[in-house]
Amino acid sequence: MGEYELRAFVRRQAEALGVPGVAVGIFHDGHEHYAYYGVTNVDHPLPVDDTTLFQFGSTGKTFTATAVMRLVEQGKIDLDAPVRTYVPELRVRDEEAARTVTVLNLLNHTAGWDGDMMDDTGNGDDALTQYVGRMERVRQLTPVGTAVSYNNCALSLAGQVIAKVTGKTFEAAMQELVFDPLGLECFSIPNDFMTRSFAVGHNRMPDGEVKVARPWAMPRSVTPAGGFSSNARDQIAWARFHMGDGRAPDGTRLLQESTLHRMQEPTVDCVGSAVGDQCGISWWLRRVGDVTKVSHGGTTHGQHSMFAMVPERRFAVISMTNCGPNGPEFNRALEKWAFRTYLGIEPPEVTAADRPEAELLAYVGRFETIASVCDIRVRGGGLEAQTAPKPNDPPDAHDEEPPQRPPMPLGLIPGGDRYVVTDGPGKGVTGYFRRDAAGKVDAVHMGARLALRVDDR
């Protein structure tokens, strides 16, 4: 299977879904294959090619985690040490959490507090310090270490750990620890982009119109959680490193091979979540057929990426797209096609079954995170979820409100409180409801985040 078939699939799928621009890479049998489609910007179109930089979002968490692991091997960080060992000024609303949270809790999404504080604290070198200073307001959803809930905030804090330990800005430390040794061109500060070809994000409106998403840049304060950009070749280079023996292309050892393996071993279970059934050290893990998929992916302002590898088969597929919600739909279709075409693995379809309305009423209610509200109601023999972002506080006059999405139909999977999205752009995405000690549904795990019930049902 070569680049012709890959390019044909990418073009066919991108055109069918109306994605303006796509960069795709595959590593298989020791060979790299790439496909590029479309334009960087519908208003000022330039062709997407092998130099085009996309915001790959939260896959950047694996870069931050890798830098931490380099410092662990150097004896400068202990994964089991309290974060206050390195950031003594840490405060969150729950003092017990601030006192006991460990570095590992930051990297496997078990810190337990609201994870989507996305405050813009400016472009200065003190952006992370200012950000951490605002964490005193974040509420605790679960005790530290007891549950997985996707946590951008924790990864920004991990970036501050790196900055404190190295005595450098987070960006300078990443350059020294990761990017330069691997020869990667990854950028986070907008001035670094201006002389290069880069994609802008887009949103597809309900009437089908595709509009440029604004703002373009992510705040510097969330760079450790997902503010980097790169091209497709550097994404594949990242996969090759993490499927390798810990050496850079020039033979320099960056990590022990055992450390790479440790990052890809489960540290906590989250069976049925949208992103994986376990979390390693930043990597999401799920069995697909007879192999383990090690993956991530990310979302920024109108840009959506996918990153999946199967180390035991020396296989990886990456995709970066510049439109939502059709970009994630493209990514899921590509991953499924690539696993079937290159590995002969057909990911199983998750199926749901109708339930009586009286049983469905237990799940009905309003749930919220720090960033969004979700209303769940009965729809036929299943449920539907209407989500909406909370407005910025204070509002940012430069931010454009994303288009309202139609409700997501949810089908309950037999044998418990898990669900699957049954139609629309999110078809096939899974999640689950949580019950309290009395058996009442008190939260929903959606988009890998734990949203607490806020009504009085």
Protein backbone atom coordinates (compact mmCIF):
# COMPACT_ATOMS: atom_id res chain seq x y z
CA MET A 1 0.00 0.00 0.00
CA GLY A 2 1.56 3.29 -1.10
CA GLU A 3 0.97 7.00 -1.24
CA TYR A 4 -1.39 6.81 -4.24
CA GLU A 5 -4.07 4.95 -2.28
CA LEU A 6 -3.53 7.21 0.75
CA ARG A 7 -3.83 10.38 -1.32
CA ALA A 8 -6.94 9.08 -3.03
CA PHE A 9 -8.62 8.33 0.30
CA VAL A 10 -7.63 11.68 1.79
CA ARG A 11 -8.96 13.64 -1.18
CA ARG A 12 -12.17 11.65 -1.36
CA GLN A 13 -12.89 11.93 2.36
CA ALA A 14 -11.92 15.61 2.69
CA GLU A 15 -14.08 16.57 -0.29
CA ALA A 16 -17.02 14.54 1.04
CA LEU A 17 -16.83 16.24 4.44
CA GLY A 18 -15.92 19.72 3.19
CA VAL A 19 -12.66 20.06 5.14
CA PRO A 20 -10.64 22.99 3.70
CA GLY A 21 -7.16 21.63 4.46
CA VAL A 22 -5.55 18.39 5.66
CA ALA A 23 -2.05 17.04 6.29
CA VAL A 24 -1.72 13.28 6.84
CA GLY A 25 1.23 11.02 7.58
CA ILE A 26 1.62 7.25 7.95
CA PHE A 27 4.60 5.19 9.08
CA HIS A 28 4.45 1.51 8.11
CA ASP A 29 7.03 -1.20 7.36
CA GLY A 30 9.82 1.32 7.86
CA HIS A 31 8.45 3.74 5.25
CA GLU A 32 6.79 7.12 5.54
CA HIS A 33 3.80 8.11 3.43
CA TYR A 34 2.20 11.56 3.24
CA ALA A 35 -0.86 13.14 1.71
CA TYR A 36 -1.84 16.81 1.59
CA TYR A 37 -5.10 18.33 0.52
CA GLY A 38 -6.69 21.74 0.18
CA VAL A 39 -5.80 25.18 1.45
CA THR A 40 -4.54 26.82 4.62
CA ASN A 41 -7.21 29.54 4.70
CA VAL A 42 -10.45 29.91 2.75
CA ASP A 43 -10.11 33.71 2.72
CA HIS A 44 -6.45 33.79 1.63
CA PRO A 45 -5.86 30.33 0.17
CA LEU A 46 -2.41 28.80 -0.06
CA PRO A 47 -1.95 25.09 -0.78
CA VAL A 48 -1.32 22.76 2.15
CA ASP A 49 2.03 21.02 1.64
CA ASP A 50 4.84 19.36 3.57
CA THR A 51 5.93 22.68 5.09
CA THR A 52 2.50 23.74 6.38
CA LEU A 53 2.30 24.18 10.14
CA PHE A 54 -0.90 23.13 11.89
CA GLN A 55 -1.82 23.61 15.52
CA PHE A 56 -1.86 20.02 16.74
CA GLY A 57 -3.28 20.95 20.13
CA SER A 58 -3.26 18.47 22.98
CA THR A 59 -0.84 15.99 21.47
CA GLY A 60 1.54 18.61 22.83
CA LYS A 61 0.84 17.13 26.27
CA THR A 62 2.97 14.16 25.26
CA PHE A 63 5.83 16.57 24.47
CA THR A 64 5.48 18.17 27.90
CA ALA A 65 5.39 14.73 29.53
CA THR A 66 8.49 13.63 27.62
CA ALA A 67 10.38 16.69 28.88
CA VAL A 68 9.31 15.78 32.41
CA MET A 69 10.60 12.24 31.91
CA ARG A 70 13.97 13.55 30.74
CA LEU A 71 14.17 15.53 33.99
CA VAL A 72 13.09 12.43 35.92
CA GLU A 73 16.00 10.49 34.43
CA GLN A 74 18.31 13.38 35.33
CA GLY A 75 17.16 13.11 38.95
CA LYS A 76 15.58 16.58 38.94
CA ILE A 77 11.92 15.49 39.18
CA ASP A 78 10.26 12.63 41.07
CA LEU A 79 6.91 11.59 39.57
CA ASP A 80 5.60 10.63 43.00
CA ALA A 81 6.66 13.85 44.70
CA PRO A 82 4.06 16.49 45.60
CA VAL A 83 3.91 19.25 43.02
CA ARG A 84 4.60 21.76 45.81
CA THR A 85 8.12 20.32 45.96
CA TYR A 86 8.74 22.26 42.75
CA VAL A 87 5.95 24.89 42.78
CA PRO A 88 5.51 25.72 46.48
CA GLU A 89 3.12 28.57 45.72
CA LEU A 90 0.47 26.22 44.27
CA ARG A 91 -3.04 26.95 45.53
CA VAL A 92 -6.35 25.45 44.44
CA ARG A 93 -9.74 25.72 46.13
CA ASP A 94 -9.19 22.40 47.97
CA GLU A 95 -6.10 22.74 50.17
CA GLU A 96 -5.81 18.97 50.58
CA ALA A 97 -5.57 18.59 46.81
CA ALA A 98 -2.95 21.32 46.53
CA ARG A 99 -0.91 19.66 49.25
CA THR A 100 -1.09 16.07 47.98
CA VAL A 101 -1.25 16.24 44.18
CA THR A 102 1.81 14.63 42.58
CA VAL A 103 3.58 15.21 39.29
CA LEU A 104 2.16 11.92 37.99
CA ASN A 105 -1.38 13.11 38.83
CA LEU A 106 -0.75 16.04 36.49
CA LEU A 107 0.34 13.78 33.63
CA ASN A 108 -2.42 11.17 33.85
CA HIS A 109 -5.40 13.52 34.38
CA THR A 110 -6.11 12.45 37.98
CA ALA A 111 -5.53 15.79 39.73
CA GLY A 112 -9.30 15.93 40.21
CA TRP A 113 -9.95 19.63 39.73
CA ASP A 114 -11.81 21.42 36.93
CA GLY A 115 -9.47 21.09 33.98
CA ASP A 116 -10.43 23.76 31.47
CA MET A 117 -9.31 27.03 33.01
CA MET A 118 -8.01 28.65 29.81
CA ASP A 119 -7.15 32.13 31.13
CA ASP A 120 -5.01 34.29 28.87
CA THR A 121 -2.34 35.78 31.12
CA GLY A 122 -0.49 37.62 28.38
CA ASN A 123 2.52 36.95 26.20
CA GLY A 124 5.24 37.69 28.75
CA ASP A 125 7.71 35.21 30.16
CA ASP A 126 5.64 35.22 33.37
CA ALA A 127 2.51 33.87 31.63
CA LEU A 128 2.69 30.48 33.38
CA THR A 129 3.48 32.03 36.75
CA GLN A 130 0.45 34.31 36.40
CA TYR A 131 -1.68 31.36 35.31
CA VAL A 132 -0.72 29.21 38.29
CA GLY A 133 -1.54 32.17 40.52
CA ARG A 134 -5.13 32.05 39.27
CA MET A 135 -5.57 28.35 39.99
CA GLU A 136 -6.72 29.09 43.53
CA ARG A 137 -10.26 29.40 42.17
CA VAL A 138 -10.53 25.97 40.49
CA ARG A 139 -12.95 23.61 42.23
CA GLN A 140 -12.21 20.01 43.11
CA LEU A 141 -14.45 17.50 41.31
CA THR A 142 -12.99 14.31 42.80
CA PRO A 143 -10.29 13.51 45.38
CA VAL A 144 -6.79 13.48 43.92
CA GLY A 145 -5.94 10.20 42.20
CA THR A 146 -9.42 8.68 42.28
CA ALA A 147 -10.80 9.42 38.81
CA VAL A 148 -9.75 10.49 35.33
CA SER A 149 -11.02 13.82 34.01
CA TYR A 150 -9.23 15.55 31.13
CA ASN A 151 -7.15 18.33 32.62
CA ASN A 152 -5.56 21.09 30.54
CA CYS A 153 -4.97 23.06 33.72
CA ALA A 154 -2.84 20.26 35.20
CA LEU A 155 -0.61 20.19 32.12
CA SER A 156 -0.04 23.95 32.29
CA LEU A 157 1.02 23.37 35.88
CA ALA A 158 3.37 20.61 34.68
CA GLY A 159 4.88 23.21 32.33
CA GLN A 160 5.53 25.43 35.34
CA VAL A 161 7.24 22.50 37.09
CA ILE A 162 9.58 22.23 34.08
CA ALA A 163 10.24 25.97 34.12
CA LYS A 164 10.98 26.00 37.84
CA VAL A 165 13.28 22.98 37.73
CA THR A 166 15.28 24.20 34.72
CA GLY A 167 15.31 27.90 35.58
CA LYS A 168 14.21 28.69 32.01
CA THR A 169 10.98 29.64 30.34
CA PHE A 170 8.89 26.60 29.46
CA GLU A 171 9.45 27.24 25.74
CA ALA A 172 13.24 27.50 26.14
CA ALA A 173 13.31 24.33 28.23
CA MET A 174 11.29 22.44 25.60
CA GLN A 175 13.68 23.61 22.89
CA GLU A 176 16.65 22.31 24.85
CA LEU A 177 15.12 19.09 26.17
CA VAL A 178 13.04 17.92 23.20
CA PHE A 179 12.88 19.94 20.00
CA ASP A 180 16.56 20.63 19.27
CA PRO A 181 17.80 17.11 20.11
CA LEU A 182 15.16 15.58 17.82
CA GLY A 183 15.52 18.18 15.08
CA LEU A 184 11.85 19.16 15.33
CA GLU A 185 10.47 22.50 14.20
CA CYS A 186 7.70 23.07 16.72
CA PHE A 187 6.49 26.57 17.47
CA SER A 188 4.14 28.18 19.97
CA ILE A 189 4.69 31.94 19.90
CA PRO A 190 2.86 33.67 17.00
CA ASN A 191 5.91 35.71 15.95
CA ASP A 192 7.65 32.44 15.11
CA PHE A 193 4.94 31.65 12.55
CA MET A 194 4.79 34.83 10.55
CA THR A 195 7.45 33.96 7.98
CA ARG A 196 6.21 30.38 7.52
CA SER A 197 3.26 28.66 5.89
CA PHE A 198 0.63 27.93 8.53
CA ALA A 199 -2.97 26.81 8.60
CA VAL A 200 -5.76 28.77 10.23
CA GLY A 201 -8.77 27.16 11.85
CA HIS A 202 -12.30 27.24 10.48
CA ASN A 203 -15.80 26.52 11.71
CA ARG A 204 -18.49 25.05 9.48
CA MET A 205 -21.71 26.90 10.23
CA PRO A 206 -25.13 25.18 10.44
CA ASP A 207 -25.95 26.46 6.93
CA GLY A 208 -22.76 24.86 5.55
CA GLU A 209 -20.70 28.06 5.24
CA VAL A 210 -17.07 27.67 6.34
CA LYS A 211 -15.71 30.67 8.25
CA VAL A 212 -12.25 31.42 9.60
CA ALA A 213 -12.11 30.83 13.38
CA ARG A 214 -10.88 33.65 15.57
CA PRO A 215 -8.76 34.16 17.58
CA TRP A 216 -6.03 32.19 15.82
CA ALA A 217 -3.46 31.75 18.60
CA MET A 218 -3.79 29.86 21.85
CA PRO A 219 -2.84 31.75 25.04
CA ARG A 220 0.80 31.33 26.05
CA SER A 221 -0.45 30.14 29.45
CA VAL A 222 -1.81 26.91 27.94
CA THR A 223 1.17 26.11 25.70
CA PRO A 224 2.21 23.07 27.84
CA ALA A 225 -1.32 21.68 27.45
CA GLY A 226 -1.53 22.11 23.69
CA GLY A 227 -0.16 25.30 22.18
CA PHE A 228 2.45 23.91 19.78
CA SER A 229 2.34 23.62 16.00
CA SER A 230 4.32 21.53 13.53
CA ASN A 231 4.14 19.94 10.10
CA ALA A 232 3.18 16.37 9.27
CA ARG A 233 6.76 15.10 8.94
CA ASP A 234 7.63 16.24 12.45
CA GLN A 235 4.51 14.50 13.78
CA ILE A 236 5.70 11.25 12.20
CA ALA A 237 9.19 11.88 13.59
CA TRP A 238 7.59 12.16 17.04
CA ALA A 239 5.87 8.81 16.55
CA ARG A 240 9.10 7.18 15.38
CA PHE A 241 10.92 8.43 18.47
CA HIS A 242 8.26 7.06 20.82
CA MET A 243 8.30 3.70 19.03
CA GLY A 244 12.09 3.61 19.12
CA ASP A 245 14.77 2.94 21.71
CA GLY A 246 15.05 6.44 23.16
CA ARG A 247 17.77 7.69 20.81
CA ALA A 248 17.58 10.76 18.60
CA PRO A 249 18.19 10.33 14.85
CA ASP A 250 21.87 11.21 15.35
CA GLY A 251 22.26 8.47 17.95
CA THR A 252 22.16 10.71 21.02
CA ARG A 253 20.28 9.04 23.85
CA LEU A 254 17.41 11.19 25.14
CA LEU A 255 15.55 8.58 27.20
CA GLN A 256 16.04 5.00 28.25
CA GLU A 257 13.94 2.61 26.20
CA SER A 258 12.37 1.41 29.43
CA THR A 259 11.17 4.96 30.11
CA LEU A 260 9.43 5.14 26.75
CA HIS A 261 7.72 1.83 27.53
CA ARG A 262 6.74 3.11 30.97
CA MET A 263 4.99 6.09 29.40
CA GLN A 264 2.89 3.66 27.34
CA GLU A 265 1.84 1.44 30.25
CA PRO A 266 -1.45 2.01 32.11
CA THR A 267 -1.30 4.14 35.25
CA VAL A 268 -5.09 4.48 35.68
CA ASP A 269 -8.28 3.05 34.14
CA CYS A 270 -11.01 5.09 32.44
CA VAL A 271 -12.84 2.33 30.57
CA GLY A 272 -15.34 3.70 28.07
CA SER A 273 -14.05 7.28 27.91
CA ALA A 274 -13.95 9.16 24.64
CA VAL A 275 -10.16 9.00 24.34
CA GLY A 276 -9.06 5.65 25.74
CA ASP A 277 -9.64 2.94 28.32
CA GLN A 278 -6.46 3.68 30.28
CA CYS A 279 -4.04 6.56 30.61
CA GLY A 280 -0.32 6.01 30.75
CA ILE A 281 2.04 8.92 31.29
CA SER A 282 0.10 11.34 29.08
CA TRP A 283 -0.61 8.72 26.39
CA TRP A 284 -4.14 7.31 26.00
CA LEU A 285 -4.33 3.52 25.63
CA ARG A 286 -6.99 1.22 24.14
CA ARG A 287 -7.00 -2.33 22.83
CA VAL A 288 -8.07 -2.45 19.18
CA GLY A 289 -8.33 -5.98 17.87
CA ASP A 290 -5.22 -7.76 19.12
CA VAL A 291 -3.02 -4.65 19.47
CA THR A 292 -2.72 -1.68 21.81
CA LYS A 293 -3.36 1.72 20.30
CA VAL A 294 -1.27 4.47 21.91
CA SER A 295 -2.80 7.79 20.99
CA HIS A 296 -3.61 11.40 21.57
CA GLY A 297 -5.00 14.22 19.48
CA GLY A 298 -6.06 17.78 19.99
CA THR A 299 -8.41 20.67 19.36
CA THR A 300 -7.61 24.37 19.13
CA HIS A 301 -9.55 27.23 17.52
CA GLY A 302 -11.01 25.40 14.51
CA GLN A 303 -8.07 22.98 14.14
CA HIS A 304 -8.36 19.28 15.01
CA SER A 305 -5.61 16.65 15.04
CA MET A 306 -5.32 12.89 15.46
CA PHE A 307 -2.21 10.91 16.50
CA ALA A 308 -2.27 7.13 16.85
CA MET A 309 0.50 4.55 16.92
CA VAL A 310 0.85 0.81 17.46
CA PRO A 311 4.38 0.34 18.77
CA GLU A 312 4.20 -3.47 18.64
CA ARG A 313 3.59 -3.23 14.88
CA ARG A 314 5.82 -0.17 14.26
CA PHE A 315 2.86 1.69 12.79
CA ALA A 316 1.60 5.25 13.16
CA VAL A 317 -1.00 7.47 11.54
CA ILE A 318 -1.35 11.22 12.11
CA SER A 319 -3.74 13.79 10.74
CA MET A 320 -4.08 17.56 11.13
CA THR A 321 -7.18 19.33 9.83
CA ASN A 322 -8.31 22.96 9.86
CA CYS A 323 -12.09 22.83 10.34
CA GLY A 324 -14.68 21.66 12.83
CA PRO A 325 -16.82 19.71 13.41
CA ASN A 326 -15.96 17.94 10.15
CA GLY A 327 -12.24 17.74 10.97
CA PRO A 328 -12.71 15.24 13.82
CA GLU A 329 -15.08 13.29 11.58
CA PHE A 330 -12.33 13.11 8.94
CA ASN A 331 -9.79 12.02 11.55
CA ARG A 332 -11.92 9.15 12.82
CA ALA A 333 -12.60 7.94 9.27
CA LEU A 334 -8.89 8.09 8.42
CA GLU A 335 -7.84 6.18 11.53
CA LYS A 336 -10.37 3.44 10.85
CA TRP A 337 -9.31 3.20 7.19
CA ALA A 338 -5.61 3.13 8.07
CA PHE A 339 -5.99 0.39 10.70
CA ARG A 340 -7.98 -1.71 8.24
CA THR A 341 -5.76 -1.03 5.21
CA TYR A 342 -2.30 -1.27 6.75
CA LEU A 343 -2.82 -3.57 9.74
CA GLY A 344 -5.83 -5.63 8.69
CA ILE A 345 -7.63 -4.57 11.88
CA GLU A 346 -11.27 -3.57 11.82
CA PRO A 347 -12.14 -1.60 14.97
CA PRO A 348 -15.41 -3.00 16.34
CA GLU A 349 -18.56 -0.91 16.15
CA VAL A 350 -19.98 0.03 19.53
CA THR A 351 -23.71 -0.65 19.55
CA ALA A 352 -26.50 0.68 21.73
CA ALA A 353 -29.94 -0.63 22.66
CA ASP A 354 -33.18 1.18 23.41
CA ARG A 355 -34.26 1.39 27.03
CA PRO A 356 -37.63 2.19 28.63
CA GLU A 357 -38.28 5.86 29.28
CA ALA A 358 -38.61 5.25 33.00
CA GLU A 359 -35.04 3.94 33.04
CA LEU A 360 -33.74 6.79 30.87
CA LEU A 361 -35.06 9.45 33.24
CA ALA A 362 -32.25 8.64 35.68
CA TYR A 363 -29.80 10.24 33.24
CA VAL A 364 -31.79 13.37 32.46
CA GLY A 365 -30.52 16.65 33.84
CA ARG A 366 -28.06 19.52 33.57
CA PHE A 367 -24.33 18.86 33.93
CA GLU A 368 -21.47 21.34 33.79
CA THR A 369 -17.73 21.87 33.83
CA ILE A 370 -15.83 25.11 34.31
CA ALA A 371 -16.12 25.70 30.55
CA SER A 372 -19.41 24.21 29.35
CA VAL A 373 -22.99 23.23 30.16
CA CYS A 374 -24.65 20.01 28.97
CA ASP A 375 -28.40 19.38 29.05
CA ILE A 376 -29.42 15.73 28.66
CA ARG A 377 -32.97 14.70 27.86
CA VAL A 378 -34.86 11.66 26.57
CA ARG A 379 -34.96 11.04 22.84
CA GLY A 380 -36.92 7.99 21.75
CA GLY A 381 -35.32 4.93 23.29
CA GLY A 382 -32.14 6.85 24.03
CA LEU A 383 -30.91 10.27 25.06
CA GLU A 384 -29.68 13.46 23.47
CA ALA A 385 -27.14 15.92 24.80
CA GLN A 386 -27.09 19.65 24.04
CA THR A 387 -23.79 21.23 24.97
CA ALA A 388 -22.86 24.90 24.99
CA PRO A 389 -19.73 26.78 26.08
CA LYS A 390 -19.96 29.11 29.02
CA PRO A 391 -19.22 32.74 28.12
CA ASN A 392 -15.78 34.07 28.98
CA ASP A 393 -15.64 35.94 32.27
CA PRO A 394 -14.76 38.67 31.57
CA PRO A 395 -15.82 38.47 27.91
CA ASP A 396 -13.11 38.84 25.28
CA ALA A 397 -14.15 41.18 22.52
CA HIS A 398 -11.78 39.46 20.10
CA ASP A 399 -13.31 36.01 20.54
CA GLU A 400 -15.96 34.88 18.10
CA GLU A 401 -18.69 32.64 19.48
CA PRO A 402 -18.52 29.21 17.81
CA PRO A 403 -21.67 28.08 16.04
CA GLN A 404 -24.20 26.22 18.15
CA ARG A 405 -24.09 22.52 17.43
CA PRO A 406 -27.19 20.36 17.09
CA PRO A 407 -27.96 17.95 19.94
CA MET A 408 -25.93 14.74 20.01
CA PRO A 409 -27.99 11.53 20.08
CA LEU A 410 -26.72 9.14 22.74
CA GLY A 411 -27.48 5.43 22.87
CA LEU A 412 -26.91 3.48 26.06
CA ILE A 413 -24.66 0.46 25.71
CA PRO A 414 -26.16 -2.70 27.22
CA GLY A 415 -25.03 -3.67 30.67
CA GLY A 416 -24.36 -0.42 32.51
CA ASP A 417 -24.05 3.34 32.29
CA ARG A 418 -21.88 3.66 29.18
CA TYR A 419 -23.13 5.42 26.06
CA VAL A 420 -22.14 5.98 22.43
CA VAL A 421 -22.95 8.85 20.08
CA THR A 422 -25.20 7.23 17.49
CA ASP A 423 -25.27 9.81 14.69
CA GLY A 424 -23.80 13.08 13.45
CA PRO A 425 -20.18 14.28 13.38
CA GLY A 426 -19.41 12.56 16.69
CA LYS A 427 -20.80 9.17 15.71
CA GLY A 428 -18.98 6.37 17.51
CA VAL A 429 -17.57 8.51 20.33
CA THR A 430 -18.13 6.93 23.73
CA GLY A 431 -18.53 8.06 27.33
CA TYR A 432 -20.24 7.08 30.55
CA PHE A 433 -22.36 8.28 33.45
CA ARG A 434 -21.16 8.15 37.05
CA ARG A 435 -23.29 7.24 40.07
CA ASP A 436 -22.81 8.31 43.67
CA ALA A 437 -22.83 6.04 46.72
CA ALA A 438 -26.63 6.08 46.74
CA GLY A 439 -26.80 4.93 43.11
CA LYS A 440 -27.93 8.28 41.71
CA VAL A 441 -26.37 9.58 38.48
CA ASP A 442 -24.27 12.54 39.64
CA ALA A 443 -21.96 13.17 36.67
CA VAL A 444 -21.38 12.42 33.00
CA HIS A 445 -18.01 11.68 31.41
CA MET A 446 -18.18 13.46 28.05
CA GLY A 447 -15.25 14.38 25.86
CA ALA A 448 -13.10 12.68 28.53
CA ARG A 449 -14.19 15.33 31.04
CA LEU A 450 -16.23 14.76 34.15
CA ALA A 451 -19.23 17.12 34.19
CA LEU A 452 -21.10 17.30 37.50
CA ARG A 453 -24.89 17.33 37.79
CA VAL A 454 -26.07 20.79 38.84
CA ASP A 455 -29.85 20.31 38.96
CA ASP A 456 -31.74 18.86 41.92
CA ARG A 457 -33.18 15.73 40.31
